Each structure stands twice: as C-alpha cells, then as structure tokens.
Amino acid sequence: MKKFKEFIQVGSFRTLLSAFLYFDISFMVWVMLGALGAIIADQFKLTPAEKGLMVSIPLLGGTLLRIPMGILSDKYGSRRVAMAGQLVTLVPLVWGWLGADSMTEIYGLGILLGVAGASFAVALPLASRWYPPQYQGLVMGIAGAGNSGTVIATFFAPRLAKLYGWHGVFGIALIPMLLMSIAFFFLAKDAPLKSAPKTLVQYLAPIKSRDALLFSLFYSITFGGFVGLASFLPIFFTDQFKLDKITAGNCTAACVMAGSFVRPIGGYLADRFGGVTVLTGIYVVIGTLALGISLMPGLEFTLALFIVMMLALGTGNGSVFQLVPLRFKSEVGVITGFVGAFGGLGGFLLPNLLGSLKGMTQSYATGFVVFASLALTAGMLLFWVNVLVWRNDEWQEAEA
C-alpha cells in the first residue's frame, strides 16, 4: 500500500490515465477492419490471402507512421502530437461510415487507420517521462494496456454490424473517439523536463544502434503476434470451425482480453525479476503453445491454447518495454516509435503468413509452425545476447 501511494504521488496519474484512454480507443479503431473482417470478406468474396491482406493493412499503416510520430513526440511534445493524431483518425471513421464501397477504398481507409495504431509511439512516452526508472515497467505496462481496445472492437463490432451494418459501426466508433479526445484535452499534460533540441539526424541516430534493432526484433514477435492474431482470429474461427460471426467475435474477445490486461503484470514482473529473464521464458511458452495450435485440436482446446498464448504475448509486451526506457533514457519517443513500428510490421506479416499458407496448403497448421519457430529462435537469441553482450552493460545493472 505504501508503494502504491508513492506511485500515485511521484508522477502524474491523470496523464497516465489519459495516455491509457488515448491508446485504448485508438487501438479499438486500429483493429476495426480485423473485427469486421469476416463480415466484409463475405460481402466481397475474398480469398484467404486477400482476407489476410485486408486485416493487415491498418497494421502496416501503423508501422509506417510510428517512427515519425515518435520523433514528433520527442520534438514537439506528446500531448500536442496526440491531439493532432486524434483529429486525423476521425477521417477514416467518417470514410468507413459514409463511403468505402469497394476494396480499393477499404484498403485506403485501412492505411489511414494506421494513424490510430501509431498512437503507441505517443502515448507511452507521454506517460513514461513522468516517472523514475523503478516504475518504468509498471507505467509502460499500464499505458500499453490500452491494447485492450481490441476487446471492445472484437466483442461489439460484429453485434453492431448485425444491427446497423458494418458501415454503421465506423459511424458509432466516432462517439467514443470524440469523448476520449475531450477527456484527453483536459487530463493530459507533458512532463516539465524536456530534452535539448536536436536535429533530425540526431533523433534518428539511436535507431542505428544494436540494441534498438534487437528490441525491435523481440517486439515484432510479442506485439506482432498479439495484434496480428487479434486482427486475424475472427477469420480463423470462422474458417476453421465454421462459427457464426458473433460467436467468432466472442472467442476472439476472450483471447484478446487475456492478453490485454496482463501487460502491466509483464512490466511489474520485469521490474521485479528482470526483463530479459521474464522475456526469455515467455518466448519458450509462446513457441510451445503455437506448436500445440498447429495440431488443430477441437474448438475448446484450441481456444484455451490461444487464451494462454495471448496471456504470454501480453506479458512479453510489458517486458520488452520495461527494457526500452532503461537503455534509451533520453530517446524514449523515437525508440518507442521504432520498436513499435517493428511490432506493427510483425502484426502485418502474421495475418498475411497465415492467410497465404492457408491458401497454398489448405491448412493453417503450417503458419503456426513457422510462428512457433520464430518465437523459439527469438528466445535463444535473447539468451545468447544477454550472456555474451549485455551482461556487463550499465543499463543492465540498473535493471538488476
């Protein structure tokens, strides 16, 4: 209780809350095409590969925009950049509501939905800058738990689409988006300590570092796996088990809920036991579960495996971002954008991988075997890098 009171007093809890709300509603909007994917795919008679491409387009948009939004966050302040991003996000929602009658338009609004996905590179630095190193795992976990917006999308979107059509869902999404923007305007505040002005080259310099690339690779598995599956699971459950759209959405929501709210726990565990230690074990768990899913057991067992896998992926997300502020103290915005971009890239590739291999082999099994191999390889690489490279680094001593 004493530590909790200290945590509330030491930073800006209202800014942390606003960062969570911003990321939560933005994440809901970001994965909207995934939540409605099975419905839209039926209307346009899409192939498995086309389904994977459709739901991954917003993830690609988020990937492309996270780095520039991270740089802008460092340069101009996260609050200002966040409010600009919220205004831009209204555009694809209106487009989806009043237009988007062809796949070309859907791909176009999907790219614009990437602005909502890029909120990650703004919300996390906004919260992180208010808190000292010993709370970074918890703070980044709480702010990052905004990926729970996926639960809102996957649970409510199919139901609302049944009542009002999928176009209507985009119109309804404008309501929480506008309410969040109003709350953000009054609650959010940039931390008083600011970095000295830098040139664009100076901002981008940390991206070239070995550790930035390693964190990006590791995050592409955990976050890429989480958001990629969150976007693709409605289609997977519909195709594999012939579920109706609402039931498939319920199954997806259960999986996503499991992974969304454990991100702060992942950050806390990383603060307590070390991010590297926790993350290494998580990759082993993810790889093992993906191999189990590749056997394509019955619905109940498959759903259970996915729920546990999403728990592991969510915990891993919190663990990765416990390490980032420790290693890059003064470049949190740009590194968050860079690492987050690779997470989005992983999320873009996974649905395409699953959809393409399904089209070629008539089974999703091969795709999950490949994902399992990638997770296990990441675990081995992290173990090796920690033993041979990071062991004596100063920032690792701070973590310990």
Protein backbone atom coordinates (compact mmCIF):
# COMPACT_ATOMS: atom_id res chain seq x y z
CA MET A 1 0.00 0.00 0.00
CA LYS A 2 2.90 2.36 0.79
CA LYS A 3 4.46 1.73 -2.62
CA PHE A 4 1.12 2.29 -4.32
CA LYS A 5 0.70 5.68 -2.59
CA GLU A 6 4.23 6.59 -3.61
CA PHE A 7 3.49 5.55 -7.19
CA ILE A 8 0.37 7.76 -7.28
CA GLN A 9 2.26 10.75 -5.89
CA VAL A 10 5.57 10.51 -7.72
CA GLY A 11 4.34 11.18 -11.27
CA SER A 12 1.18 12.40 -12.98
CA PHE A 13 -1.52 9.77 -12.59
CA ARG A 14 -4.06 11.76 -14.59
CA THR A 15 -1.62 11.91 -17.51
CA LEU A 16 -1.03 8.18 -17.19
CA LEU A 17 -4.80 7.65 -17.25
CA SER A 18 -5.19 9.87 -20.31
CA ALA A 19 -2.38 8.02 -22.08
CA PHE A 20 -4.18 4.74 -21.39
CA LEU A 21 -7.52 6.08 -22.67
CA TYR A 22 -5.90 7.54 -25.79
CA PHE A 23 -4.18 4.26 -26.62
CA ASP A 24 -7.24 2.19 -25.70
CA ILE A 25 -9.72 3.97 -28.00
CA SER A 26 -7.12 4.37 -30.74
CA PHE A 27 -6.35 0.66 -30.59
CA MET A 28 -10.06 -0.09 -30.85
CA VAL A 29 -10.20 1.95 -34.05
CA TRP A 30 -6.93 0.50 -35.38
CA VAL A 31 -8.20 -3.10 -35.39
CA MET A 32 -11.71 -2.27 -36.65
CA LEU A 33 -11.14 -3.93 -40.02
CA GLY A 34 -9.98 -7.09 -38.27
CA ALA A 35 -13.06 -7.15 -36.05
CA LEU A 36 -15.29 -6.73 -39.12
CA GLY A 37 -13.05 -8.80 -41.39
CA ALA A 38 -15.22 -11.91 -41.66
CA ILE A 39 -18.28 -9.80 -42.49
CA ILE A 40 -16.53 -7.70 -45.12
CA ALA A 41 -14.82 -10.79 -46.59
CA ASP A 42 -18.21 -12.43 -47.15
CA GLN A 43 -19.56 -9.35 -48.92
CA PHE A 44 -16.61 -9.09 -51.31
CA LYS A 45 -15.97 -12.88 -51.64
CA LEU A 46 -12.29 -12.63 -50.63
CA THR A 47 -9.74 -15.45 -50.85
CA PRO A 48 -7.74 -16.46 -47.73
CA ALA A 49 -4.76 -14.39 -48.90
CA GLU A 50 -6.99 -11.37 -49.57
CA LYS A 51 -8.52 -11.69 -46.10
CA GLY A 52 -5.06 -11.64 -44.54
CA LEU A 53 -4.08 -8.59 -46.58
CA MET A 54 -7.25 -6.66 -45.71
CA VAL A 55 -6.93 -7.03 -41.93
CA SER A 56 -3.18 -6.34 -42.01
CA ILE A 57 -3.32 -3.08 -44.00
CA PRO A 58 -4.02 -0.92 -40.89
CA LEU A 59 -1.14 -2.67 -39.15
CA LEU A 60 1.15 -1.67 -42.00
CA GLY A 61 -0.12 1.90 -41.76
CA GLY A 62 0.70 1.96 -38.06
CA THR A 63 4.15 0.57 -38.81
CA LEU A 64 4.94 3.33 -41.30
CA LEU A 65 3.70 6.13 -39.03
CA ARG A 66 5.07 5.14 -35.63
CA ILE A 67 8.62 6.36 -36.25
CA PRO A 68 7.66 9.85 -37.48
CA MET A 69 5.10 10.22 -34.68
CA GLY A 70 7.73 9.14 -32.15
CA ILE A 71 10.14 11.79 -33.48
CA LEU A 72 7.41 14.44 -33.40
CA SER A 73 6.58 13.39 -29.84
CA ASP A 74 10.18 13.98 -28.74
CA LYS A 75 10.45 17.26 -30.63
CA TYR A 76 7.10 18.96 -30.02
CA GLY A 77 5.66 17.17 -27.00
CA SER A 78 3.44 14.11 -26.82
CA ARG A 79 0.26 15.96 -25.89
CA ARG A 80 0.26 18.16 -28.98
CA VAL A 81 1.09 15.27 -31.33
CA ALA A 82 -1.56 13.06 -29.72
CA MET A 83 -4.30 15.64 -30.27
CA ALA A 84 -3.29 16.03 -33.92
CA GLY A 85 -3.38 12.25 -34.34
CA GLN A 86 -6.86 12.10 -32.83
CA LEU A 87 -8.17 14.62 -35.34
CA VAL A 88 -6.67 12.71 -38.29
CA THR A 89 -8.16 9.43 -37.03
CA LEU A 90 -11.64 10.88 -37.47
CA VAL A 91 -11.12 10.85 -41.25
CA PRO A 92 -11.11 7.05 -41.84
CA LEU A 93 -14.02 6.65 -39.41
CA VAL A 94 -16.14 9.08 -41.42
CA TRP A 95 -14.93 7.46 -44.65
CA GLY A 96 -15.89 3.99 -43.42
CA TRP A 97 -19.26 5.29 -42.28
CA LEU A 98 -20.30 7.23 -45.38
CA GLY A 99 -18.26 5.54 -48.13
CA ALA A 100 -15.86 2.61 -48.57
CA ASP A 101 -17.97 0.72 -51.11
CA SER A 102 -15.04 -1.01 -52.84
CA MET A 103 -11.96 -2.93 -51.73
CA THR A 104 -9.76 -0.11 -53.04
CA GLU A 105 -11.49 2.30 -50.65
CA ILE A 106 -11.25 -0.20 -47.79
CA TYR A 107 -7.50 -0.52 -48.35
CA GLY A 108 -7.25 3.28 -48.39
CA LEU A 109 -9.10 3.81 -45.13
CA GLY A 110 -7.09 0.92 -43.68
CA ILE A 111 -3.87 2.86 -44.28
CA LEU A 112 -5.37 5.92 -42.56
CA LEU A 113 -6.42 3.78 -39.60
CA GLY A 114 -2.67 3.34 -39.10
CA VAL A 115 -2.64 6.82 -37.52
CA ALA A 116 -4.59 5.30 -34.62
CA GLY A 117 -2.06 2.47 -34.40
CA ALA A 118 0.80 4.96 -34.32
CA SER A 119 -0.66 6.35 -31.07
CA PHE A 120 1.58 3.82 -29.33
CA ALA A 121 4.65 5.94 -30.10
CA VAL A 122 2.99 8.95 -28.43
CA ALA A 123 1.00 7.53 -25.52
CA LEU A 124 3.86 5.57 -23.95
CA PRO A 125 6.44 8.41 -23.93
CA LEU A 126 3.75 10.78 -22.61
CA ALA A 127 3.37 8.56 -19.54
CA SER A 128 6.97 7.37 -19.26
CA ARG A 129 8.55 10.84 -18.94
CA TRP A 130 6.69 11.48 -15.69
CA TYR A 131 8.13 8.52 -13.75
CA PRO A 132 11.54 7.40 -12.38
CA PRO A 133 13.32 4.21 -13.55
CA GLN A 134 11.96 1.92 -10.79
CA TYR A 135 8.40 2.40 -12.08
CA GLN A 136 9.04 2.24 -15.83
CA GLY A 137 7.86 -1.35 -16.25
CA LEU A 138 4.59 -0.69 -14.43
CA VAL A 139 3.96 2.66 -16.13
CA MET A 140 4.67 1.38 -19.62
CA GLY A 141 2.51 -1.64 -18.85
CA ILE A 142 -0.46 0.46 -17.70
CA ALA A 143 -0.25 2.83 -20.66
CA GLY A 144 0.32 -0.09 -23.04
CA ALA A 145 -2.67 -1.95 -21.61
CA GLY A 146 -4.65 0.28 -23.93
CA ASN A 147 -4.36 -2.58 -26.40
CA SER A 148 -7.46 -3.75 -24.53
CA GLY A 149 -9.29 -1.60 -27.07
CA THR A 150 -9.11 -4.71 -29.22
CA VAL A 151 -11.56 -6.37 -26.83
CA ILE A 152 -14.06 -3.58 -27.40
CA ALA A 153 -13.74 -3.88 -31.16
CA THR A 154 -13.91 -7.66 -31.41
CA PHE A 155 -16.80 -8.00 -28.96
CA PHE A 156 -19.06 -5.15 -30.04
CA ALA A 157 -18.29 -4.66 -33.74
CA PRO A 158 -19.95 -7.90 -35.01
CA ARG A 159 -23.03 -7.26 -32.86
CA LEU A 160 -23.38 -3.66 -34.01
CA ALA A 161 -22.78 -4.72 -37.62
CA LYS A 162 -25.69 -7.14 -37.37
CA LEU A 163 -27.96 -4.28 -36.28
CA TYR A 164 -26.65 -1.35 -38.30
CA GLY A 165 -24.38 -2.84 -40.98
CA TRP A 166 -20.59 -2.69 -40.95
CA HIS A 167 -20.59 0.88 -42.31
CA GLY A 168 -22.64 1.93 -39.29
CA VAL A 169 -20.01 0.53 -36.92
CA PHE A 170 -17.50 3.12 -38.17
CA GLY A 171 -20.02 5.87 -37.52
CA ILE A 172 -20.72 4.63 -33.99
CA ALA A 173 -16.97 4.49 -33.29
CA LEU A 174 -16.85 8.26 -33.71
CA ILE A 175 -18.66 8.64 -30.37
CA PRO A 176 -16.01 7.10 -28.05
CA MET A 177 -13.28 8.69 -30.16
CA LEU A 178 -14.67 12.18 -29.63
CA LEU A 179 -15.36 11.61 -25.91
CA MET A 180 -11.80 10.36 -25.39
CA SER A 181 -10.39 13.40 -27.20
CA ILE A 182 -12.29 15.74 -24.88
CA ALA A 183 -11.06 13.88 -21.77
CA PHE A 184 -7.51 13.86 -23.12
CA PHE A 185 -7.57 17.62 -23.72
CA PHE A 186 -8.34 18.27 -20.04
CA LEU A 187 -6.31 15.48 -18.40
CA ALA A 188 -3.07 15.10 -20.33
CA LYS A 189 -0.01 17.19 -19.58
CA ASP A 190 3.55 16.95 -20.88
CA ALA A 191 6.27 16.32 -18.29
CA PRO A 192 8.11 19.55 -17.31
CA LEU A 193 11.57 18.15 -18.10
CA LYS A 194 12.33 18.32 -21.81
CA SER A 195 15.34 17.22 -23.83
CA ALA A 196 17.53 19.76 -25.59
CA PRO A 197 16.54 20.47 -29.21
CA LYS A 198 18.04 18.04 -31.73
CA THR A 199 18.34 17.79 -35.48
CA LEU A 200 16.54 15.04 -37.39
CA VAL A 201 19.82 13.17 -37.81
CA GLN A 202 20.39 13.29 -34.05
CA TYR A 203 16.88 12.00 -33.40
CA LEU A 204 17.39 9.09 -35.76
CA ALA A 205 20.91 8.21 -34.54
CA PRO A 206 19.78 5.78 -31.77
CA ILE A 207 17.86 3.73 -34.35
CA LYS A 208 21.16 2.54 -35.81
CA SER A 209 22.26 1.01 -32.51
CA ARG A 210 22.48 -2.73 -31.99
CA ASP A 211 20.12 -2.72 -29.03
CA ALA A 212 17.39 -0.79 -30.86
CA LEU A 213 17.44 -3.42 -33.59
CA LEU A 214 17.36 -6.25 -31.06
CA PHE A 215 14.44 -4.77 -29.11
CA SER A 216 12.63 -4.32 -32.42
CA LEU A 217 13.11 -7.95 -33.36
CA PHE A 218 11.91 -9.15 -29.96
CA TYR A 219 8.86 -6.88 -30.03
CA SER A 220 7.94 -7.99 -33.54
CA ILE A 221 7.25 -11.43 -32.05
CA THR A 222 5.32 -10.41 -28.91
CA PHE A 223 3.34 -7.40 -30.11
CA GLY A 224 3.28 -8.59 -33.71
CA GLY A 225 1.87 -11.89 -32.53
CA PHE A 226 -0.69 -10.17 -30.31
CA VAL A 227 -2.06 -7.63 -32.78
CA GLY A 228 -1.71 -9.95 -35.77
CA LEU A 229 -3.77 -12.65 -34.08
CA ALA A 230 -6.24 -10.12 -32.69
CA SER A 231 -6.92 -8.98 -36.25
CA PHE A 232 -6.97 -12.46 -37.82
CA LEU A 233 -8.70 -14.64 -35.23
CA PRO A 234 -12.28 -13.69 -36.25
CA ILE A 235 -11.47 -15.03 -39.73
CA PHE A 236 -9.62 -18.05 -38.31
CA PHE A 237 -12.50 -19.13 -36.06
CA THR A 238 -15.00 -18.58 -38.88
CA ASP A 239 -12.98 -20.57 -41.42
CA GLN A 240 -11.60 -23.32 -39.20
CA PHE A 241 -14.61 -24.08 -37.02
CA LYS A 242 -17.46 -22.65 -39.14
CA LEU A 243 -18.61 -20.36 -36.33
CA ASP A 244 -21.06 -17.54 -36.93
CA LYS A 245 -19.62 -14.01 -36.89
CA ILE A 246 -20.78 -13.12 -33.37
CA THR A 247 -19.51 -16.36 -31.82
CA ALA A 248 -16.18 -15.94 -33.60
CA GLY A 249 -16.04 -12.39 -32.20
CA ASN A 250 -16.75 -13.69 -28.70
CA CYS A 251 -13.91 -16.22 -28.97
CA THR A 252 -11.55 -13.54 -30.24
CA ALA A 253 -12.59 -11.14 -27.49
CA ALA A 254 -11.83 -13.78 -24.85
CA CYS A 255 -8.36 -14.31 -26.30
CA VAL A 256 -7.63 -10.60 -26.63
CA MET A 257 -8.91 -9.80 -23.15
CA ALA A 258 -6.45 -12.31 -21.72
CA GLY A 259 -3.52 -10.63 -23.45
CA SER A 260 -4.57 -7.01 -22.97
CA PHE A 261 -4.73 -6.65 -19.22
CA VAL A 262 -1.59 -8.60 -18.35
CA ARG A 263 0.71 -6.05 -19.94
CA PRO A 264 1.12 -4.17 -16.62
CA ILE A 265 1.81 -7.53 -14.97
CA GLY A 266 4.53 -8.16 -17.54
CA GLY A 267 6.03 -4.79 -16.70
CA TYR A 268 5.82 -5.48 -12.97
CA LEU A 269 7.43 -8.91 -13.34
CA ALA A 270 10.17 -7.37 -15.44
CA ASP A 271 10.76 -4.71 -12.74
CA ARG A 272 10.88 -7.46 -10.13
CA PHE A 273 12.85 -10.23 -11.86
CA GLY A 274 14.45 -8.53 -14.85
CA GLY A 275 13.01 -8.02 -18.30
CA VAL A 276 15.48 -10.34 -20.01
CA THR A 277 14.77 -13.25 -17.67
CA VAL A 278 11.00 -12.92 -17.97
CA LEU A 279 11.07 -12.41 -21.73
CA THR A 280 13.27 -15.43 -22.42
CA GLY A 281 10.86 -17.74 -20.63
CA ILE A 282 7.90 -16.17 -22.42
CA TYR A 283 9.32 -16.98 -25.86
CA VAL A 284 9.60 -20.63 -24.91
CA VAL A 285 5.97 -20.64 -23.77
CA ILE A 286 4.78 -18.91 -26.96
CA GLY A 287 6.65 -21.34 -29.20
CA THR A 288 5.30 -24.36 -27.35
CA LEU A 289 1.71 -23.12 -27.50
CA ALA A 290 1.95 -22.27 -31.20
CA LEU A 291 3.11 -25.83 -31.91
CA GLY A 292 0.11 -27.12 -29.95
CA ILE A 293 -2.25 -24.94 -32.01
CA SER A 294 -0.65 -26.22 -35.24
CA LEU A 295 -2.08 -29.66 -34.40
CA MET A 296 -5.52 -28.10 -34.93
CA PRO A 297 -7.32 -29.74 -31.99
CA GLY A 298 -11.02 -29.15 -31.28
CA LEU A 299 -12.51 -25.71 -30.70
CA GLU A 300 -12.41 -25.80 -26.90
CA PHE A 301 -8.77 -26.89 -26.68
CA THR A 302 -7.69 -24.51 -29.44
CA LEU A 303 -9.45 -21.61 -27.70
CA ALA A 304 -7.71 -22.48 -24.43
CA LEU A 305 -4.32 -22.55 -26.15
CA PHE A 306 -4.96 -19.19 -27.78
CA ILE A 307 -6.01 -17.64 -24.46
CA VAL A 308 -2.81 -18.80 -22.75
CA MET A 309 -0.75 -17.70 -25.75
CA MET A 310 -2.27 -14.22 -25.66
CA LEU A 311 -1.50 -14.08 -21.94
CA ALA A 312 2.13 -14.84 -22.77
CA LEU A 313 2.24 -12.34 -25.64
CA GLY A 314 0.73 -9.57 -23.48
CA THR A 315 3.20 -10.27 -20.67
CA GLY A 316 6.02 -10.21 -23.21
CA ASN A 317 4.93 -6.80 -24.49
CA GLY A 318 5.23 -5.37 -20.99
CA SER A 319 8.65 -6.98 -20.53
CA VAL A 320 10.11 -5.54 -23.73
CA PHE A 321 9.07 -2.02 -22.84
CA GLN A 322 10.44 -2.29 -19.35
CA LEU A 323 13.87 -2.52 -21.01
CA VAL A 324 13.48 0.32 -23.55
CA PRO A 325 13.44 3.33 -21.13
CA LEU A 326 16.36 1.85 -19.18
CA ARG A 327 18.54 1.55 -22.27
CA PHE A 328 17.39 4.75 -24.04
CA LYS A 329 16.66 7.30 -21.32
CA SER A 330 16.61 10.44 -23.48
CA GLU A 331 15.26 8.99 -26.73
CA VAL A 332 12.15 7.22 -25.45
CA GLY A 333 9.85 8.72 -28.10
CA VAL A 334 11.82 7.84 -31.21
CA ILE A 335 12.87 4.42 -29.91
CA THR A 336 9.31 3.64 -28.84
CA GLY A 337 8.22 4.56 -32.35
CA PHE A 338 10.98 2.49 -33.95
CA VAL A 339 10.47 -0.60 -31.81
CA GLY A 340 6.70 -0.20 -32.03
CA ALA A 341 6.97 0.01 -35.82
CA PHE A 342 8.60 -3.41 -35.92
CA GLY A 343 5.85 -4.69 -33.66
CA GLY A 344 3.32 -3.39 -36.16
CA LEU A 345 5.35 -4.93 -39.00
CA GLY A 346 5.20 -8.30 -37.26
CA GLY A 347 1.45 -7.81 -36.91
CA PHE A 348 1.21 -7.01 -40.63
CA LEU A 349 3.21 -10.09 -41.67
CA LEU A 350 1.49 -12.66 -39.44
CA PRO A 351 -2.05 -12.45 -40.95
CA ASN A 352 -0.51 -12.47 -44.43
CA LEU A 353 1.58 -15.51 -43.49
CA LEU A 354 -1.41 -17.39 -42.10
CA GLY A 355 -3.68 -16.45 -44.99
CA SER A 356 -1.14 -17.19 -47.73
CA LEU A 357 -0.08 -20.56 -46.30
CA LYS A 358 -3.73 -21.48 -45.79
CA GLY A 359 -4.33 -20.78 -49.49
CA MET A 360 -1.32 -22.88 -50.51
CA THR A 361 -1.69 -25.83 -48.10
CA GLN A 362 -5.44 -25.69 -47.30
CA SER A 363 -4.48 -25.61 -43.60
CA TYR A 364 -3.48 -23.04 -41.00
CA ALA A 365 -1.10 -25.54 -39.36
CA THR A 366 2.00 -24.57 -41.36
CA GLY A 367 1.62 -20.91 -40.44
CA PHE A 368 1.59 -21.69 -36.72
CA VAL A 369 4.63 -23.96 -37.05
CA VAL A 370 6.51 -21.07 -38.66
CA PHE A 371 5.40 -18.68 -35.90
CA ALA A 372 6.49 -21.20 -33.24
CA SER A 373 9.91 -21.44 -34.86
CA LEU A 374 10.31 -17.67 -34.85
CA ALA A 375 9.36 -17.39 -31.16
CA LEU A 376 11.78 -20.14 -30.09
CA THR A 377 14.55 -18.59 -32.19
CA ALA A 378 13.92 -15.19 -30.52
CA GLY A 379 14.21 -16.84 -27.10
CA MET A 380 17.54 -18.43 -27.98
CA LEU A 381 18.85 -15.18 -29.44
CA LEU A 382 17.84 -13.20 -26.35
CA PHE A 383 19.58 -15.72 -24.07
CA TRP A 384 22.74 -15.60 -26.17
CA VAL A 385 22.84 -11.78 -26.41
CA ASN A 386 22.31 -11.41 -22.67
CA VAL A 387 25.12 -13.82 -21.79
CA LEU A 388 27.68 -12.64 -24.34
CA VAL A 389 26.84 -8.96 -24.93
CA TRP A 390 24.62 -7.32 -22.31
CA ARG A 391 25.92 -8.91 -19.12
CA ASN A 392 28.21 -6.03 -18.13
CA ASP A 393 26.28 -3.11 -19.63
CA GLU A 394 25.48 -0.25 -17.27
CA TRP A 395 21.76 -0.20 -18.06
CA GLN A 396 21.53 -3.90 -17.25
CA GLU A 397 22.96 -3.16 -13.82
CA ALA A 398 20.22 -0.54 -13.37
CA GLU A 399 17.62 -3.18 -14.21
CA ALA A 400 19.05 -5.59 -11.68
